[in-house]
C-alpha atoms as a PDB file:
ATOM      1  CA  MET A   1      11.201  -0.384  -0.169  1.00  0.00           C
ATOM      2  CA  GLN A   2      11.947  -2.579  -3.566  1.00  0.00           C
ATOM      3  CA  GLY A   3       8.451  -3.721  -6.247  1.00  0.00           C
ATOM      4  CA  GLU A   4       8.792  -7.160  -4.792  1.00  0.00           C
ATOM      5  CA  ASP A   5       8.598  -6.267  -1.146  1.00  0.00           C
ATOM      6  CA  CYS A   6       5.584  -4.151  -1.989  1.00  0.00           C
ATOM      7  CA  TYR A   7       3.704  -6.639  -3.631  1.00  0.00           C
ATOM      8  CA  ALA A   8       4.811  -9.379  -1.009  1.00  0.00           C
ATOM      9  CA  LEU A   9       3.104  -7.390   1.622  1.00  0.00           C
ATOM     10  CA  ARG A  10       0.428  -6.949  -0.599  1.00  0.00           C
ATOM     11  CA  CYS A  11      -0.161 -10.463  -0.137  1.00  0.00           C
ATOM     12  CA  ALA A  12       1.023 -10.921   3.406  1.00  0.00           C
ATOM     13  CA  LEU A  13      -1.973  -8.845   4.105  1.00  0.00           C
ATOM     14  CA  LEU A  14      -4.599  -9.795   2.333  1.00  0.00           C
ATOM     15  CA  HIS A  15      -3.997 -13.384   1.951  1.00  0.00           C
ATOM     16  CA  GLU A  16      -2.365 -14.313   5.883  1.00  0.00           C
ATOM     17  CA  GLY A  17      -3.666 -10.632   7.641  1.00  0.00           C
ATOM     18  CA  THR A  18      -0.126 -10.613   8.761  1.00  0.00           C
ATOM     19  CA  ASP A  19       3.269  -8.437   7.892  1.00  0.00           C
ATOM     20  CA  ASP A  20       5.414 -11.086   8.178  1.00  0.00           C
ATOM     21  CA  ILE A  21       6.607 -11.908   4.003  1.00  0.00           C
ATOM     22  CA  SER A  22       9.333 -13.976   4.794  1.00  0.00           C
ATOM     23  CA  GLU A  23       7.294 -16.934   2.947  1.00  0.00           C
ATOM     24  CA  GLN A  24       6.565 -14.818   0.575  1.00  0.00           C
ATOM     25  CA  ARG A  25       8.164 -15.810  -2.767  1.00  0.00           C
ATOM     26  CA  ALA A  26       8.019 -12.392  -4.813  1.00  0.00           C
ATOM     27  CA  GLN A  27      10.468 -11.035  -1.200  1.00  0.00           C
ATOM     28  CA  GLU A  28      13.667  -9.494  -2.327  1.00  0.00           C
ATOM     29  CA  VAL A  29      15.389  -7.501   0.580  1.00  0.00           C
ATOM     30  CA  LEU A  30      12.944  -7.574   3.637  1.00  0.00           C
ATOM     31  CA  GLU A  31      11.387  -9.885   6.006  1.00  0.00           C
ATOM     32  CA  ASN A  32       8.386  -7.926   7.543  1.00  0.00           C
ATOM     33  CA  PHE A  33       6.702  -4.766   8.059  1.00  0.00           C
ATOM     34  CA  LYS A  34       5.334  -2.972  11.494  1.00  0.00           C
ATOM     35  CA  PHE A  35       3.586  -0.416  10.853  1.00  0.00           C
ATOM     36  CA  VAL A  36       3.575   2.204  13.842  1.00  0.00           C
ATOM     37  CA  VAL A  37       1.352   5.743  15.042  1.00  0.00           C
ATOM     38  CA  PRO A  38       3.304   7.588  16.045  1.00  0.00           C
ATOM     39  CA  PRO A  39       3.403  10.493  18.927  1.00  0.00           C
ATOM     40  CA  ASP A  40       1.979  13.666  17.766  1.00  0.00           C
ATOM     41  CA  GLY A  41       4.043  15.882  16.159  1.00  0.00           C
ATOM     42  CA  LEU A  42       6.599  13.350  15.141  1.00  0.00           C
ATOM     43  CA  ILE A  43       7.678  10.952  11.703  1.00  0.00           C
ATOM     44  CA  VAL A  44       9.168   7.867  12.470  1.00  0.00           C
ATOM     45  CA  HIS A  45       8.103   6.304   8.225  1.00  0.00           C
ATOM     46  CA  ASN A  46      10.352   4.352   6.783  1.00  0.00           C
ATOM     47  CA  ASN A  47      12.735   3.865   8.929  1.00  0.00           C
ATOM     48  CA  GLN A  48      15.027  -0.071   7.899  1.00  0.00           C
ATOM     49  CA  SER A  49      16.546  -2.296  10.840  1.00  0.00           C
ATOM     50  CA  GLY A  50      17.547  -5.240   9.342  1.00  0.00           C
ATOM     51  CA  LYS A  51      15.492  -7.038   7.653  1.00  0.00           C
ATOM     52  CA  ALA A  52      12.443  -4.729   9.240  1.00  0.00           C
ATOM     53  CA  LEU A  53      10.922  -2.188   7.704  1.00  0.00           C
ATOM     54  CA  GLN A  54       8.783   0.605   9.835  1.00  0.00           C
ATOM     55  CA  LEU A  55       5.710   2.271   8.073  1.00  0.00           C
ATOM     56  CA  GLN A  56       3.650   5.152   9.745  1.00  0.00           C
ATOM     57  CA  VAL A  57       0.390   4.480   8.381  1.00  0.00           C
ATOM     58  CA  ASP A  58      -1.060   7.465   7.675  1.00  0.00           C
ATOM     59  CA  ILE A  59       2.075   8.140   5.705  1.00  0.00           C
ATOM     60  CA  PHE A  60       1.901   4.482   3.872  1.00  0.00           C
ATOM     61  CA  CYS A  61      -1.960   5.005   2.796  1.00  0.00           C
ATOM     62  CA  ARG A  62      -1.044   8.612   1.133  1.00  0.00           C
ATOM     63  CA  ASP A  63       1.128   7.311  -0.325  1.00  0.00           C
ATOM     64  CA  ILE A  64      -0.266   4.089  -1.386  1.00  0.00           C
ATOM     65  CA  CYS A  65      -3.733   6.697  -2.905  1.00  0.00           C
ATOM     66  CA  ALA A  66      -0.698   8.752  -4.068  1.00  0.00           C
ATOM     67  CA  SER A  67       1.045   5.678  -6.192  1.00  0.00           C
ATOM     68  CA  VAL A  68      -2.997   4.874  -7.367  1.00  0.00           C
ATOM     69  CA  LEU A  69      -3.714   8.216  -8.401  1.00  0.00           C
ATOM     70  CA  ASP A  70      -0.539   8.532 -10.366  1.00  0.00           C
ATOM     71  CA  TRP A  71      -1.152   4.492 -12.004  1.00  0.00           C
ATOM     72  CA  LEU A  72      -4.185   6.067 -13.328  1.00  0.00           C
ATOM     73  CA  ASP A  73      -2.925   8.977 -14.705  1.00  0.00           C
ATOM     74  CA  LEU A  74       0.035   6.883 -16.992  1.00  0.00           C
ATOM     75  CA  ASN A  75      -2.853   5.368 -17.950  1.00  0.00           C
ATOM     76  CA  THR A  76      -5.835   5.809 -20.616  1.00  0.00           C
ATOM     77  CA  PHE A  77      -9.005   3.805 -20.722  1.00  0.00           C
ATOM     78  CA  ALA A  78     -10.597   2.584 -23.983  1.00  0.00           C
ATOM     79  CA  ASN A  79     -14.163   1.100 -24.320  1.00  0.00           C
ATOM     80  CA  GLY A  80     -15.263   2.375 -20.317  1.00  0.00           C
ATOM     81  CA  GLU A  81     -12.883   0.037 -18.602  1.00  0.00           C
ATOM     82  CA  LEU A  82     -12.395   3.015 -16.335  1.00  0.00           C
ATOM     83  CA  ASP A  83     -15.758   2.423 -15.904  1.00  0.00           C
ATOM     84  CA  SER A  84     -15.300  -0.856 -14.764  1.00  0.00           C
ATOM     85  CA  LEU A  85     -12.419  -0.420 -12.232  1.00  0.00           C
ATOM     86  CA  LEU A  86     -13.649  -0.308  -8.578  1.00  0.00           C
ATOM     87  CA  THR A  87     -15.532   2.256  -7.556  1.00  0.00           C
ATOM     88  CA  ILE A  88     -15.783   4.127  -3.722  1.00  0.00           C
ATOM     89  CA  THR A  89     -18.911   5.636  -2.244  1.00  0.00           C
ATOM     90  CA  ASP A  90     -20.553   7.671   0.025  1.00  0.00           C
ATOM     91  CA  ILE A  91     -23.696   5.740   1.511  1.00  0.00           C
ATOM     92  CA  ASN A  92     -25.498   7.444  -1.170  1.00  0.00           C
ATOM     93  CA  GLY A  93     -24.242   6.196  -4.071  1.00  0.00           C
ATOM     94  CA  ASN A  94     -22.145   9.166  -4.248  1.00  0.00           C
ATOM     95  CA  PRO A  95     -18.742   8.494  -5.591  1.00  0.00           C
ATOM     96  CA  ILE A  96     -15.724   9.488  -3.875  1.00  0.00           C
ATOM     97  CA  ALA A  97     -13.051  11.880  -5.498  1.00  0.00           C
END
């Protein structure tokens, strides 16, 4: 997946609630994504057919989370900037690591 297509997916999902990126300006190679939940024990992730990319939803989410952690490792924050980023907490207000 090209970075432009990933950004186009982000925009389509957040702003339109769709996996169709054909109208997104950032889109480069793909036109849409198909998120799937596979049968038990199978992996059906990152398969391209024409201009559609099939993504296994649990693997995609893990990949996004790992990318965020990689990004945090590569970036240094001064003056409390890291503290101003979104924090997810449990019901008692304890930050989730």
